[in-house]
Amino acid sequence: MTVEYWRWKEYNWHDENIDPKAGSVLSAGCDVGSVSSQAVVMVDGGLYAYSNMRTGSDSPHSALDAMNWALEGTGLKIEDLHYVVGTGYGRVNVPFAHRAITEIACHARGANFMYGPSVRTILDMGGQDCKAIRCDHRGKVTNFLMNDKCAAGTGRGMEVFADLLSVSIEDVGDLSFDVEEEPEPVSSTCVVFAKSEAAGLLRQGWPKNLVLAAYCNAMAHRVVTLLERLGVEKEFAITGGIAKNIGVVRRLEKELGLTGLKSDYDTQIAGALGAALFAGALYEKQQAKK
């Protein structure tokens, strides 16, 4: 059987202490990314349920699968939701959404909820791109930058490396620190070149953990360059799947000279969470007009 080292754990959750049918506003967000999809359900502005899964072959089905999985075991159906906002790469293809809002705006709003109103700089490390976002105390975007269209500094790039080295993607961060000293970073301009360079290092006898350290170092440096172009304030937070990779995060923090804000919320749901917050506000505005 072929081992899929790149495959990360998919999951869903809901708060059993909340009765959603007692709520007056059921809002939801669905973030359909190029690599992963998340759905979040909120009851009267509080987090109630969410899911995180691999994006499938098309956006509409991925959105439906993510939302249905978030609602699993809750007694709710999609039709029970008062307002839904779609976001992410496939935001215009969320069939049950009332509106689509960009992932830039949704990640800022979600990060504001997750990390508090002090957050001013957000790094979203997604599956196929990285976004550096500046926001105000309300989570409103004031400026942003995106990297070029290459997977070298993204979650997909890390998946490629996990497969190349036959290392579980969940172990990459820890293993990258099992080195006596930091190696020079591999090429960070293109995932194809970085993969080729890593294969060459393995042939030269480099151990896997040293190659991982070189790649994590390269990812961190590339992202720092993006952040420095935008300008980083100390109230800094990271969202997305790579936020769970300490191999990248700690090197990034060291290069910046900053420690990112911490949150008990799952970093991968930030976009869908922001979309659900927008959905709640839009629904209340809609009702006020009646």
C-alpha atoms as a PDB file:
ATOM      1  CA  MET A   1       0.000   0.000   0.000  1.00  0.00           C
ATOM      2  CA  THR A   2       1.306   3.432  -0.937  1.00  0.00           C
ATOM      3  CA  VAL A   3       1.832   5.716   2.055  1.00  0.00           C
ATOM      4  CA  GLU A   4       0.591   9.265   1.484  1.00  0.00           C
ATOM      5  CA  TYR A   5       3.053  11.217   3.622  1.00  0.00           C
ATOM      6  CA  TRP A   6       1.532  14.539   2.549  1.00  0.00           C
ATOM      7  CA  ARG A   7      -1.936  13.684   3.877  1.00  0.00           C
ATOM      8  CA  TRP A   8      -2.928  15.719   6.921  1.00  0.00           C
ATOM      9  CA  LYS A   9      -5.724  14.884   9.337  1.00  0.00           C
ATOM     10  CA  GLU A  10      -9.241  15.956   8.381  1.00  0.00           C
ATOM     11  CA  TYR A  11     -11.724  16.650  11.166  1.00  0.00           C
ATOM     12  CA  ASN A  12     -14.987  18.202  12.291  1.00  0.00           C
ATOM     13  CA  TRP A  13     -16.235  19.544  15.639  1.00  0.00           C
ATOM     14  CA  HIS A  14     -19.286  21.065  17.280  1.00  0.00           C
ATOM     15  CA  ASP A  15     -19.971  22.451  20.744  1.00  0.00           C
ATOM     16  CA  GLU A  16     -22.366  20.071  22.476  1.00  0.00           C
ATOM     17  CA  ASN A  17     -23.109  22.696  25.134  1.00  0.00           C
ATOM     18  CA  ILE A  18     -24.869  24.949  22.625  1.00  0.00           C
ATOM     19  CA  ASP A  19     -28.422  24.370  21.412  1.00  0.00           C
ATOM     20  CA  PRO A  20     -28.403  25.863  17.911  1.00  0.00           C
ATOM     21  CA  LYS A  21     -32.187  25.797  17.655  1.00  0.00           C
ATOM     22  CA  ALA A  22     -32.364  28.216  20.578  1.00  0.00           C
ATOM     23  CA  GLY A  23     -30.287  30.751  18.660  1.00  0.00           C
ATOM     24  CA  SER A  24     -31.788  33.659  16.755  1.00  0.00           C
ATOM     25  CA  VAL A  25     -29.034  33.969  14.129  1.00  0.00           C
ATOM     26  CA  LEU A  26     -27.416  30.940  12.499  1.00  0.00           C
ATOM     27  CA  SER A  27     -24.640  32.233  10.239  1.00  0.00           C
ATOM     28  CA  ALA A  28     -22.034  30.265   8.346  1.00  0.00           C
ATOM     29  CA  GLY A  29     -18.927  30.651   6.243  1.00  0.00           C
ATOM     30  CA  CYS A  30     -17.441  28.275   3.708  1.00  0.00           C
ATOM     31  CA  ASP A  31     -13.826  28.704   2.627  1.00  0.00           C
ATOM     32  CA  VAL A  32     -13.068  26.661  -0.491  1.00  0.00           C
ATOM     33  CA  GLY A  33      -9.320  26.779  -1.013  1.00  0.00           C
ATOM     34  CA  SER A  34      -7.157  25.223  -3.694  1.00  0.00           C
ATOM     35  CA  VAL A  35      -5.914  22.561  -1.246  1.00  0.00           C
ATOM     36  CA  SER A  36      -8.317  22.510   1.722  1.00  0.00           C
ATOM     37  CA  SER A  37     -11.893  23.554   2.485  1.00  0.00           C
ATOM     38  CA  GLN A  38     -13.337  24.688   5.800  1.00  0.00           C
ATOM     39  CA  ALA A  39     -16.894  25.390   6.949  1.00  0.00           C
ATOM     40  CA  VAL A  40     -17.819  27.287  10.118  1.00  0.00           C
ATOM     41  CA  VAL A  41     -21.225  27.656  11.760  1.00  0.00           C
ATOM     42  CA  MET A  42     -21.910  30.352  14.360  1.00  0.00           C
ATOM     43  CA  VAL A  43     -24.869  30.712  16.709  1.00  0.00           C
ATOM     44  CA  ASP A  44     -25.600  34.305  17.710  1.00  0.00           C
ATOM     45  CA  GLY A  45     -21.989  35.297  16.979  1.00  0.00           C
ATOM     46  CA  GLY A  46     -20.400  32.428  18.894  1.00  0.00           C
ATOM     47  CA  LEU A  47     -18.442  29.568  17.320  1.00  0.00           C
ATOM     48  CA  TYR A  48     -20.613  26.460  17.215  1.00  0.00           C
ATOM     49  CA  ALA A  49     -19.254  24.013  14.611  1.00  0.00           C
ATOM     50  CA  TYR A  50     -16.604  23.625  11.946  1.00  0.00           C
ATOM     51  CA  SER A  51     -14.946  21.186   9.580  1.00  0.00           C
ATOM     52  CA  ASN A  52     -11.601  21.010   7.781  1.00  0.00           C
ATOM     53  CA  MET A  53     -11.081  18.700   4.822  1.00  0.00           C
ATOM     54  CA  ARG A  54      -9.237  18.240   1.564  1.00  0.00           C
ATOM     55  CA  THR A  55     -10.679  20.150  -1.405  1.00  0.00           C
ATOM     56  CA  GLY A  56     -12.048  17.732  -3.980  1.00  0.00           C
ATOM     57  CA  SER A  57     -12.159  17.826  -7.751  1.00  0.00           C
ATOM     58  CA  ASP A  58     -14.607  20.729  -7.964  1.00  0.00           C
ATOM     59  CA  SER A  59     -15.583  23.664  -5.759  1.00  0.00           C
ATOM     60  CA  PRO A  60     -19.371  23.141  -5.477  1.00  0.00           C
ATOM     61  CA  HIS A  61     -19.038  19.573  -4.195  1.00  0.00           C
ATOM     62  CA  SER A  62     -16.163  20.525  -1.900  1.00  0.00           C
ATOM     63  CA  ALA A  63     -18.289  23.300  -0.382  1.00  0.00           C
ATOM     64  CA  LEU A  64     -21.243  20.966   0.141  1.00  0.00           C
ATOM     65  CA  ASP A  65     -19.068  18.257   1.673  1.00  0.00           C
ATOM     66  CA  ALA A  66     -17.374  20.693   4.062  1.00  0.00           C
ATOM     67  CA  MET A  67     -20.636  22.284   5.237  1.00  0.00           C
ATOM     68  CA  ASN A  68     -22.482  18.995   5.603  1.00  0.00           C
ATOM     69  CA  TRP A  69     -19.604  17.594   7.634  1.00  0.00           C
ATOM     70  CA  ALA A  70     -19.574  20.652   9.898  1.00  0.00           C
ATOM     71  CA  LEU A  71     -23.313  20.138  10.473  1.00  0.00           C
ATOM     72  CA  GLU A  72     -23.000  16.390  11.074  1.00  0.00           C
ATOM     73  CA  GLY A  73     -24.461  15.443  14.452  1.00  0.00           C
ATOM     74  CA  THR A  74     -25.894  18.914  15.093  1.00  0.00           C
ATOM     75  CA  GLY A  75     -29.453  18.254  13.946  1.00  0.00           C
ATOM     76  CA  LEU A  76     -29.120  21.130  11.488  1.00  0.00           C
ATOM     77  CA  LYS A  77     -29.297  21.155   7.717  1.00  0.00           C
ATOM     78  CA  ILE A  78     -27.934  23.734   5.296  1.00  0.00           C
ATOM     79  CA  GLU A  79     -31.482  25.034   4.782  1.00  0.00           C
ATOM     80  CA  ASP A  80     -31.639  25.950   8.497  1.00  0.00           C
ATOM     81  CA  LEU A  81     -28.801  28.477   8.154  1.00  0.00           C
ATOM     82  CA  HIS A  82     -30.000  32.068   7.942  1.00  0.00           C
ATOM     83  CA  TYR A  83     -27.090  33.457   5.930  1.00  0.00           C
ATOM     84  CA  VAL A  84     -23.980  31.923   4.361  1.00  0.00           C
ATOM     85  CA  VAL A  85     -20.909  33.642   2.895  1.00  0.00           C
ATOM     86  CA  GLY A  86     -18.517  31.879   0.542  1.00  0.00           C
ATOM     87  CA  THR A  87     -14.832  32.740   0.435  1.00  0.00           C
ATOM     88  CA  GLY A  88     -11.522  31.390  -0.815  1.00  0.00           C
ATOM     89  CA  TYR A  89     -10.343  30.227  -4.223  1.00  0.00           C
ATOM     90  CA  GLY A  90     -13.776  28.755  -5.049  1.00  0.00           C
ATOM     91  CA  ARG A  91     -15.933  31.372  -3.349  1.00  0.00           C
ATOM     92  CA  VAL A  92     -18.110  32.057  -6.398  1.00  0.00           C
ATOM     93  CA  ASN A  93     -18.928  28.338  -6.641  1.00  0.00           C
ATOM     94  CA  VAL A  94     -20.468  27.794  -3.196  1.00  0.00           C
ATOM     95  CA  PRO A  95     -24.004  26.819  -4.302  1.00  0.00           C
ATOM     96  CA  PHE A  96     -25.753  27.590  -1.002  1.00  0.00           C
ATOM     97  CA  ALA A  97     -24.008  30.924  -0.283  1.00  0.00           C
ATOM     98  CA  HIS A  98     -25.952  34.173  -0.254  1.00  0.00           C
ATOM     99  CA  ARG A  99     -22.817  36.174  -1.010  1.00  0.00           C
ATOM    100  CA  ALA A 100     -19.101  35.783  -1.819  1.00  0.00           C
ATOM    101  CA  ILE A 101     -16.386  37.819  -0.053  1.00  0.00           C
ATOM    102  CA  THR A 102     -12.634  37.720  -0.718  1.00  0.00           C
ATOM    103  CA  GLU A 103     -10.374  35.605   1.477  1.00  0.00           C
ATOM    104  CA  ILE A 104      -8.277  38.689   2.283  1.00  0.00           C
ATOM    105  CA  ALA A 105     -11.226  40.358   4.032  1.00  0.00           C
ATOM    106  CA  CYS A 106     -12.383  37.118   5.651  1.00  0.00           C
ATOM    107  CA  HIS A 107      -8.974  36.189   7.067  1.00  0.00           C
ATOM    108  CA  ALA A 108      -8.586  39.642   8.589  1.00  0.00           C
ATOM    109  CA  ARG A 109     -12.037  39.453  10.165  1.00  0.00           C
ATOM    110  CA  GLY A 110     -11.449  35.899  11.365  1.00  0.00           C
ATOM    111  CA  ALA A 111      -8.041  36.728  12.832  1.00  0.00           C
ATOM    112  CA  ASN A 112      -9.585  39.687  14.672  1.00  0.00           C
ATOM    113  CA  PHE A 113     -12.016  37.248  16.333  1.00  0.00           C
ATOM    114  CA  MET A 114      -9.353  34.605  17.036  1.00  0.00           C
ATOM    115  CA  TYR A 115      -6.518  36.812  18.285  1.00  0.00           C
ATOM    116  CA  GLY A 116      -8.401  39.871  19.525  1.00  0.00           C
ATOM    117  CA  PRO A 117      -8.610  43.503  18.366  1.00  0.00           C
ATOM    118  CA  SER A 118      -4.903  44.148  18.944  1.00  0.00           C
ATOM    119  CA  VAL A 119      -3.794  42.144  15.884  1.00  0.00           C
ATOM    120  CA  ARG A 120      -2.503  44.444  13.125  1.00  0.00           C
ATOM    121  CA  THR A 121      -0.463  42.186  10.809  1.00  0.00           C
ATOM    122  CA  ILE A 122      -1.681  38.806   9.592  1.00  0.00           C
ATOM    123  CA  LEU A 123       0.206  36.220   7.591  1.00  0.00           C
ATOM    124  CA  ASP A 124      -2.071  33.721   5.876  1.00  0.00           C
ATOM    125  CA  MET A 125      -0.005  30.773   4.671  1.00  0.00           C
ATOM    126  CA  GLY A 126      -2.396  28.919   2.395  1.00  0.00           C
ATOM    127  CA  GLY A 127      -2.201  25.931   0.106  1.00  0.00           C
ATOM    128  CA  GLN A 128      -1.085  27.766  -3.045  1.00  0.00           C
ATOM    129  CA  ASP A 129      -0.236  31.320  -1.967  1.00  0.00           C
ATOM    130  CA  CYS A 130       0.756  33.509   0.959  1.00  0.00           C
ATOM    131  CA  LYS A 131      -0.926  36.756   1.923  1.00  0.00           C
ATOM    132  CA  ALA A 132       0.419  39.476   4.200  1.00  0.00           C
ATOM    133  CA  ILE A 133      -2.459  41.577   5.533  1.00  0.00           C
ATOM    134  CA  ARG A 134      -2.630  44.780   7.576  1.00  0.00           C
ATOM    135  CA  CYS A 135      -5.868  45.507   9.449  1.00  0.00           C
ATOM    136  CA  ASP A 136      -7.364  47.860  12.021  1.00  0.00           C
ATOM    137  CA  HIS A 137      -8.881  47.089  15.443  1.00  0.00           C
ATOM    138  CA  ARG A 138     -12.140  45.961  13.813  1.00  0.00           C
ATOM    139  CA  GLY A 139     -10.442  43.471  11.504  1.00  0.00           C
ATOM    140  CA  LYS A 140     -10.930  45.708   8.464  1.00  0.00           C
ATOM    141  CA  VAL A 141      -8.193  45.385   5.836  1.00  0.00           C
ATOM    142  CA  THR A 142      -6.023  48.483   5.393  1.00  0.00           C
ATOM    143  CA  ASN A 143      -3.391  46.979   3.060  1.00  0.00           C
ATOM    144  CA  PHE A 144      -2.186  43.602   1.773  1.00  0.00           C
ATOM    145  CA  LEU A 145       0.354  41.858  -0.443  1.00  0.00           C
ATOM    146  CA  MET A 146       0.398  38.393  -1.999  1.00  0.00           C
ATOM    147  CA  ASN A 147       3.314  36.265  -3.115  1.00  0.00           C
ATOM    148  CA  ASP A 148       3.700  35.277  -6.751  1.00  0.00           C
ATOM    149  CA  LYS A 149       1.922  32.200  -8.055  1.00  0.00           C
ATOM    150  CA  CYS A 150       4.341  29.535  -6.913  1.00  0.00           C
ATOM    151  CA  ALA A 151       3.909  26.792  -4.310  1.00  0.00           C
ATOM    152  CA  ALA A 152       7.437  27.065  -2.875  1.00  0.00           C
ATOM    153  CA  GLY A 153       6.332  29.086   0.149  1.00  0.00           C
ATOM    154  CA  THR A 154       2.969  27.397   0.702  1.00  0.00           C
ATOM    155  CA  GLY A 155       1.260  24.362   2.167  1.00  0.00           C
ATOM    156  CA  ARG A 156       1.320  22.504  -1.140  1.00  0.00           C
ATOM    157  CA  GLY A 157       5.068  22.982  -1.349  1.00  0.00           C
ATOM    158  CA  MET A 158       5.425  21.418   2.096  1.00  0.00           C
ATOM    159  CA  GLU A 159       3.261  18.480   1.014  1.00  0.00           C
ATOM    160  CA  VAL A 160       5.568  17.891  -1.966  1.00  0.00           C
ATOM    161  CA  PHE A 161       8.582  17.823   0.349  1.00  0.00           C
ATOM    162  CA  ALA A 162       6.929  15.475   2.827  1.00  0.00           C
ATOM    163  CA  ASP A 163       6.292  13.006   0.002  1.00  0.00           C
ATOM    164  CA  LEU A 164       9.788  13.416  -1.436  1.00  0.00           C
ATOM    165  CA  LEU A 165      11.402  12.647   1.924  1.00  0.00           C
ATOM    166  CA  SER A 166       8.841  10.036   3.046  1.00  0.00           C
ATOM    167  CA  VAL A 167       8.169  11.985   6.236  1.00  0.00           C
ATOM    168  CA  SER A 168       4.672  12.499   7.652  1.00  0.00           C
ATOM    169  CA  ILE A 169       3.723  16.136   7.125  1.00  0.00           C
ATOM    170  CA  GLU A 170       2.759  16.384  10.797  1.00  0.00           C
ATOM    171  CA  ASP A 171       6.349  15.471  11.798  1.00  0.00           C
ATOM    172  CA  VAL A 172       8.137  17.898   9.479  1.00  0.00           C
ATOM    173  CA  GLY A 173       8.399  20.772  11.958  1.00  0.00           C
ATOM    174  CA  ASP A 174       9.859  18.758  14.840  1.00  0.00           C
ATOM    175  CA  LEU A 175      12.288  16.848  12.619  1.00  0.00           C
ATOM    176  CA  SER A 176      13.588  20.063  11.058  1.00  0.00           C
ATOM    177  CA  PHE A 177      15.027  21.060  14.455  1.00  0.00           C
ATOM    178  CA  ASP A 178      16.864  17.760  14.918  1.00  0.00           C
ATOM    179  CA  VAL A 179      20.065  19.280  13.514  1.00  0.00           C
ATOM    180  CA  GLU A 180      23.337  20.447  15.067  1.00  0.00           C
ATOM    181  CA  GLU A 181      23.333  23.707  13.143  1.00  0.00           C
ATOM    182  CA  GLU A 182      21.108  25.472  10.632  1.00  0.00           C
ATOM    183  CA  PRO A 183      21.912  24.669   6.983  1.00  0.00           C
ATOM    184  CA  GLU A 184      21.751  27.144   4.134  1.00  0.00           C
ATOM    185  CA  PRO A 185      18.199  27.370   2.701  1.00  0.00           C
ATOM    186  CA  VAL A 186      17.341  25.473  -0.472  1.00  0.00           C
ATOM    187  CA  SER A 187      16.051  27.366  -3.500  1.00  0.00           C
ATOM    188  CA  SER A 188      12.840  29.171  -2.531  1.00  0.00           C
ATOM    189  CA  THR A 189      11.919  30.633  -5.902  1.00  0.00           C
ATOM    190  CA  CYS A 190      10.137  27.570  -7.290  1.00  0.00           C
ATOM    191  CA  VAL A 191       8.961  24.314  -5.722  1.00  0.00           C
ATOM    192  CA  VAL A 192      10.241  22.334  -8.743  1.00  0.00           C
ATOM    193  CA  PHE A 193      13.756  23.758  -8.335  1.00  0.00           C
ATOM    194  CA  ALA A 194      13.617  23.327  -4.559  1.00  0.00           C
ATOM    195  CA  LYS A 195      12.561  19.689  -4.963  1.00  0.00           C
ATOM    196  CA  SER A 196      15.358  19.054  -7.470  1.00  0.00           C
ATOM    197  CA  GLU A 197      17.902  20.661  -5.146  1.00  0.00           C
ATOM    198  CA  ALA A 198      16.651  18.627  -2.185  1.00  0.00           C
ATOM    199  CA  ALA A 199      16.932  15.388  -4.204  1.00  0.00           C
ATOM    200  CA  GLY A 200      20.531  16.350  -4.988  1.00  0.00           C
ATOM    201  CA  LEU A 201      21.291  16.928  -1.302  1.00  0.00           C
ATOM    202  CA  LEU A 202      19.888  13.496  -0.432  1.00  0.00           C
ATOM    203  CA  ARG A 203      22.145  11.916  -3.061  1.00  0.00           C
ATOM    204  CA  GLN A 204      25.086  13.709  -1.450  1.00  0.00           C
ATOM    205  CA  GLY A 205      24.260  11.988   1.824  1.00  0.00           C
ATOM    206  CA  TRP A 206      22.370  14.728   3.654  1.00  0.00           C
ATOM    207  CA  PRO A 207      20.003  13.264   6.273  1.00  0.00           C
ATOM    208  CA  LYS A 208      16.293  13.983   5.847  1.00  0.00           C
ATOM    209  CA  ASN A 209      16.086  16.225   8.896  1.00  0.00           C
ATOM    210  CA  LEU A 210      18.837  18.472   7.530  1.00  0.00           C
ATOM    211  CA  VAL A 211      17.071  18.781   4.174  1.00  0.00           C
ATOM    212  CA  LEU A 212      13.838  19.621   6.001  1.00  0.00           C
ATOM    213  CA  ALA A 213      15.643  22.283   8.018  1.00  0.00           C
ATOM    214  CA  ALA A 214      16.965  23.806   4.789  1.00  0.00           C
ATOM    215  CA  TYR A 215      13.484  23.887   3.252  1.00  0.00           C
ATOM    216  CA  CYS A 216      11.735  25.268   6.360  1.00  0.00           C
ATOM    217  CA  ASN A 217      14.456  27.916   6.518  1.00  0.00           C
ATOM    218  CA  ALA A 218      13.800  28.820   2.884  1.00  0.00           C
ATOM    219  CA  MET A 219      10.036  29.042   3.430  1.00  0.00           C
ATOM    220  CA  ALA A 220      10.464  31.272   6.468  1.00  0.00           C
ATOM    221  CA  HIS A 221      12.872  33.601   4.663  1.00  0.00           C
ATOM    222  CA  ARG A 222      10.622  33.930   1.636  1.00  0.00           C
ATOM    223  CA  VAL A 223       7.621  34.834   3.785  1.00  0.00           C
ATOM    224  CA  VAL A 224       9.621  37.317   5.874  1.00  0.00           C
ATOM    225  CA  THR A 225      10.566  39.116   2.663  1.00  0.00           C
ATOM    226  CA  LEU A 226       6.865  39.450   1.807  1.00  0.00           C
ATOM    227  CA  LEU A 227       6.012  40.710   5.300  1.00  0.00           C
ATOM    228  CA  GLU A 228       8.827  43.250   5.310  1.00  0.00           C
ATOM    229  CA  ARG A 229       7.566  44.697   2.031  1.00  0.00           C
ATOM    230  CA  LEU A 230       4.202  45.290   3.682  1.00  0.00           C
ATOM    231  CA  GLY A 231       5.540  46.342   7.073  1.00  0.00           C
ATOM    232  CA  VAL A 232       5.125  44.267  10.224  1.00  0.00           C
ATOM    233  CA  GLU A 233       3.781  45.492  13.536  1.00  0.00           C
ATOM    234  CA  LYS A 234       4.488  43.520  16.701  1.00  0.00           C
ATOM    235  CA  GLU A 235       0.803  42.575  17.029  1.00  0.00           C
ATOM    236  CA  PHE A 236       1.376  39.815  14.499  1.00  0.00           C
ATOM    237  CA  ALA A 237      -0.554  36.567  13.889  1.00  0.00           C
ATOM    238  CA  ILE A 238      -0.381  33.632  11.481  1.00  0.00           C
ATOM    239  CA  THR A 239      -3.366  31.835   9.976  1.00  0.00           C
ATOM    240  CA  GLY A 240      -3.588  28.784   7.709  1.00  0.00           C
ATOM    241  CA  GLY A 241      -2.209  25.264   7.881  1.00  0.00           C
ATOM    242  CA  ILE A 242       1.473  26.206   7.891  1.00  0.00           C
ATOM    243  CA  ALA A 243       0.842  28.054  11.172  1.00  0.00           C
ATOM    244  CA  LYS A 244       0.864  24.551  12.719  1.00  0.00           C
ATOM    245  CA  ASN A 245       4.385  23.835  11.411  1.00  0.00           C
ATOM    246  CA  ILE A 246       6.834  24.960  14.106  1.00  0.00           C
ATOM    247  CA  GLY A 247       9.724  24.399  11.716  1.00  0.00           C
ATOM    248  CA  VAL A 248       8.576  27.358   9.640  1.00  0.00           C
ATOM    249  CA  VAL A 249       6.933  29.445  12.371  1.00  0.00           C
ATOM    250  CA  ARG A 250       9.870  29.539  14.803  1.00  0.00           C
ATOM    251  CA  ARG A 251      12.360  30.350  12.057  1.00  0.00           C
ATOM    252  CA  LEU A 252      10.058  33.053  10.744  1.00  0.00           C
ATOM    253  CA  GLU A 253       9.677  34.564  14.225  1.00  0.00           C
ATOM    254  CA  LYS A 254      13.419  34.478  14.779  1.00  0.00           C
ATOM    255  CA  GLU A 255      14.112  36.296  11.504  1.00  0.00           C
ATOM    256  CA  LEU A 256      11.435  38.897  12.243  1.00  0.00           C
ATOM    257  CA  GLY A 257      12.516  39.313  15.847  1.00  0.00           C
ATOM    258  CA  LEU A 258       8.865  38.932  16.866  1.00  0.00           C
ATOM    259  CA  THR A 259       6.735  36.294  18.556  1.00  0.00           C
ATOM    260  CA  GLY A 260       3.362  35.765  16.946  1.00  0.00           C
ATOM    261  CA  LEU A 261       0.134  36.102  18.916  1.00  0.00           C
ATOM    262  CA  LYS A 262      -1.310  32.817  20.181  1.00  0.00           C
ATOM    263  CA  SER A 263      -4.881  31.586  20.048  1.00  0.00           C
ATOM    264  CA  ASP A 264      -6.823  28.528  21.184  1.00  0.00           C
ATOM    265  CA  TYR A 265      -8.730  28.548  17.897  1.00  0.00           C
ATOM    266  CA  ASP A 266      -7.738  26.365  14.945  1.00  0.00           C
ATOM    267  CA  THR A 267      -5.625  28.513  12.607  1.00  0.00           C
ATOM    268  CA  GLN A 268      -7.031  26.797   9.511  1.00  0.00           C
ATOM    269  CA  ILE A 269     -10.599  28.004  10.069  1.00  0.00           C
ATOM    270  CA  ALA A 270      -9.765  31.738  10.054  1.00  0.00           C
ATOM    271  CA  GLY A 271     -11.136  32.380   6.554  1.00  0.00           C
ATOM    272  CA  ALA A 272     -14.372  30.455   7.080  1.00  0.00           C
ATOM    273  CA  LEU A 273     -14.762  32.035  10.517  1.00  0.00           C
ATOM    274  CA  GLY A 274     -14.423  35.518   9.052  1.00  0.00           C
ATOM    275  CA  ALA A 275     -16.962  34.595   6.371  1.00  0.00           C
ATOM    276  CA  ALA A 276     -19.406  33.419   9.067  1.00  0.00           C
ATOM    277  CA  LEU A 277     -18.937  36.702  10.956  1.00  0.00           C
ATOM    278  CA  PHE A 278     -19.688  38.665   7.790  1.00  0.00           C
ATOM    279  CA  ALA A 279     -22.721  36.431   7.239  1.00  0.00           C
ATOM    280  CA  GLY A 280     -24.088  37.217  10.691  1.00  0.00           C
ATOM    281  CA  ALA A 281     -23.656  40.965  10.197  1.00  0.00           C
ATOM    282  CA  LEU A 282     -25.245  40.860   6.740  1.00  0.00           C
ATOM    283  CA  TYR A 283     -28.215  38.874   8.001  1.00  0.00           C
ATOM    284  CA  GLU A 284     -28.839  41.306  10.864  1.00  0.00           C
ATOM    285  CA  LYS A 285     -28.591  44.238   8.432  1.00  0.00           C
ATOM    286  CA  GLN A 286     -31.046  42.485   6.140  1.00  0.00           C
ATOM    287  CA  GLN A 287     -33.504  41.920   8.990  1.00  0.00           C
ATOM    288  CA  ALA A 288     -33.230  45.540  10.181  1.00  0.00           C
ATOM    289  CA  LYS A 289     -34.516  46.718   6.798  1.00  0.00           C
ATOM    290  CA  LYS A 290     -37.687  44.691   7.065  1.00  0.00           C
END
